[in-house]
């Protein structure tokens, strides 16, 4: 079906009203949910391109960066101070209590907002 200009404008207005760029994700290590927010695609692409040809440590760092960038609450300086973070992105592992499963859950949910599936994510972690 060919979309009209009016339909495309209506879609844009609907997305703005529904806040489709924000989602709550339940995390077992926190015993509750955390809000993730869709950020500009270019920032996600930069992190994904780092993953493509990186070693395990660099891939892990790229996923931490993705999670940090998409979780507004993790940007709070008081939270970072309370957890003794030397670098702002340190909050990701400290808040998640080094729970790799919940890190993957967050990264999977974030990348799903951009049309990437979890199998693709797991493949990138393994390779």
Protein backbone atom coordinates (compact mmCIF):
# COMPACT_ATOMS: atom_id res chain seq x y z
CA UNK A 1 0.00 0.00 0.00
CA UNK A 2 1.37 3.36 -1.01
CA UNK A 3 1.32 5.84 1.87
CA UNK A 4 0.12 9.38 1.42
CA UNK A 5 1.74 12.50 2.79
CA UNK A 6 -1.13 12.89 5.24
CA UNK A 7 -0.67 9.34 6.54
CA UNK A 8 3.04 9.91 7.12
CA UNK A 9 2.37 13.16 8.99
CA UNK A 10 -0.35 11.44 11.05
CA UNK A 11 2.10 8.66 11.92
CA UNK A 12 4.67 11.21 13.13
CA UNK A 13 2.11 12.94 15.35
CA UNK A 14 0.91 9.61 16.74
CA UNK A 15 4.49 8.59 17.65
CA UNK A 16 5.02 11.89 19.45
CA UNK A 17 1.82 11.48 21.45
CA UNK A 18 2.42 7.84 22.43
CA UNK A 19 5.98 8.33 23.63
CA UNK A 20 6.97 5.27 21.62
CA UNK A 21 10.57 6.17 22.23
CA UNK A 22 10.43 5.24 25.92
CA UNK A 23 10.03 1.79 27.45
CA UNK A 24 10.23 0.17 30.88
CA UNK A 25 12.35 -2.96 31.21
CA UNK A 26 12.03 -5.36 34.15
CA UNK A 27 15.38 -6.40 35.65
CA UNK A 28 15.77 -9.25 38.13
CA UNK A 29 18.87 -7.81 39.81
CA UNK A 30 17.03 -4.58 40.65
CA UNK A 31 13.74 -6.19 41.60
CA UNK A 32 11.94 -3.66 39.42
CA UNK A 33 12.01 -1.87 36.12
CA UNK A 34 14.19 0.79 34.57
CA UNK A 35 13.27 3.22 31.79
CA UNK A 36 15.12 3.09 28.50
CA UNK A 37 14.89 5.85 25.92
CA UNK A 38 15.45 5.75 22.20
CA UNK A 39 18.34 8.00 21.20
CA UNK A 40 19.33 9.19 17.72
CA UNK A 41 20.13 6.30 15.39
CA UNK A 42 23.57 7.72 14.58
CA UNK A 43 24.72 7.21 18.18
CA UNK A 44 23.53 3.59 18.14
CA UNK A 45 25.17 2.96 14.77
CA UNK A 46 28.49 4.27 16.08
CA UNK A 47 28.37 1.81 18.98
CA UNK A 48 27.28 -1.07 16.74
CA UNK A 49 30.10 -0.39 14.31
CA UNK A 50 32.54 -0.69 17.23
CA UNK A 51 31.09 -4.14 17.97
CA UNK A 52 31.48 -5.46 14.42
CA UNK A 53 35.28 -5.79 14.42
CA UNK A 54 36.07 -5.71 18.13
CA UNK A 55 37.45 -8.15 20.64
CA UNK A 56 35.40 -9.35 23.60
CA UNK A 57 36.37 -6.48 25.91
CA UNK A 58 35.62 -3.85 23.29
CA UNK A 59 32.25 -5.47 22.51
CA UNK A 60 31.38 -5.47 26.20
CA UNK A 61 32.37 -1.78 26.46
CA UNK A 62 30.22 -0.93 23.43
CA UNK A 63 27.17 -2.63 24.97
CA UNK A 64 27.79 -0.78 28.24
CA UNK A 65 27.91 2.48 26.28
CA UNK A 66 24.63 1.65 24.51
CA UNK A 67 22.91 0.88 27.82
CA UNK A 68 24.33 3.97 29.51
CA UNK A 69 23.30 6.26 26.65
CA UNK A 70 19.73 4.91 26.62
CA UNK A 71 19.08 4.87 30.39
CA UNK A 72 18.54 8.47 31.50
CA UNK A 73 18.55 7.60 35.21
CA UNK A 74 22.13 6.34 34.90
CA UNK A 75 23.25 9.87 33.98
CA UNK A 76 22.39 11.16 37.45
CA UNK A 77 25.56 12.35 39.22
CA UNK A 78 24.15 11.57 42.69
CA UNK A 79 23.51 7.96 41.64
CA UNK A 80 27.02 7.68 40.21
CA UNK A 81 28.52 9.10 43.41
CA UNK A 82 26.45 6.75 45.60
CA UNK A 83 27.86 3.78 43.67
CA UNK A 84 31.43 5.13 43.72
CA UNK A 85 31.81 5.45 39.96
CA UNK A 86 35.15 6.70 38.64
CA UNK A 87 33.69 7.10 35.14
CA UNK A 88 30.03 7.82 34.32
CA UNK A 89 29.62 4.53 32.41
CA UNK A 90 30.80 2.58 35.48
CA UNK A 91 27.25 2.94 36.79
CA UNK A 92 25.97 0.34 34.33
CA UNK A 93 27.80 -2.65 35.84
CA UNK A 94 27.60 -1.33 39.40
CA UNK A 95 23.85 -0.72 39.24
CA UNK A 96 23.27 -4.10 37.59
CA UNK A 97 25.52 -5.75 40.20
CA UNK A 98 27.68 -7.16 37.36
CA UNK A 99 24.69 -9.18 36.16
CA UNK A 100 25.53 -9.95 32.52
CA UNK A 101 22.07 -11.41 31.94
CA UNK A 102 20.38 -8.14 32.85
CA UNK A 103 22.93 -6.19 30.79
CA UNK A 104 22.00 -8.35 27.79
CA UNK A 105 18.30 -7.90 28.58
CA UNK A 106 18.69 -4.11 28.53
CA UNK A 107 20.83 -4.12 25.38
CA UNK A 108 18.38 -6.46 23.64
CA UNK A 109 15.40 -4.24 24.50
CA UNK A 110 17.26 -1.13 23.39
CA UNK A 111 18.35 -2.61 20.06
CA UNK A 112 14.81 -3.95 19.50
CA UNK A 113 13.68 -0.30 19.45
CA UNK A 114 15.82 0.01 16.31
CA UNK A 115 14.59 -3.18 14.67
CA UNK A 116 17.47 -5.45 15.70
CA UNK A 117 16.66 -8.86 17.12
CA UNK A 118 18.16 -10.62 20.14
CA UNK A 119 19.72 -13.41 18.04
CA UNK A 120 21.72 -10.76 16.22
CA UNK A 121 22.86 -9.37 19.57
CA UNK A 122 23.90 -12.77 20.89
CA UNK A 123 25.82 -13.51 17.68
CA UNK A 124 27.75 -10.28 18.10
CA UNK A 125 28.61 -11.16 21.71
CA UNK A 126 29.84 -14.63 20.76
CA UNK A 127 31.91 -13.67 17.71
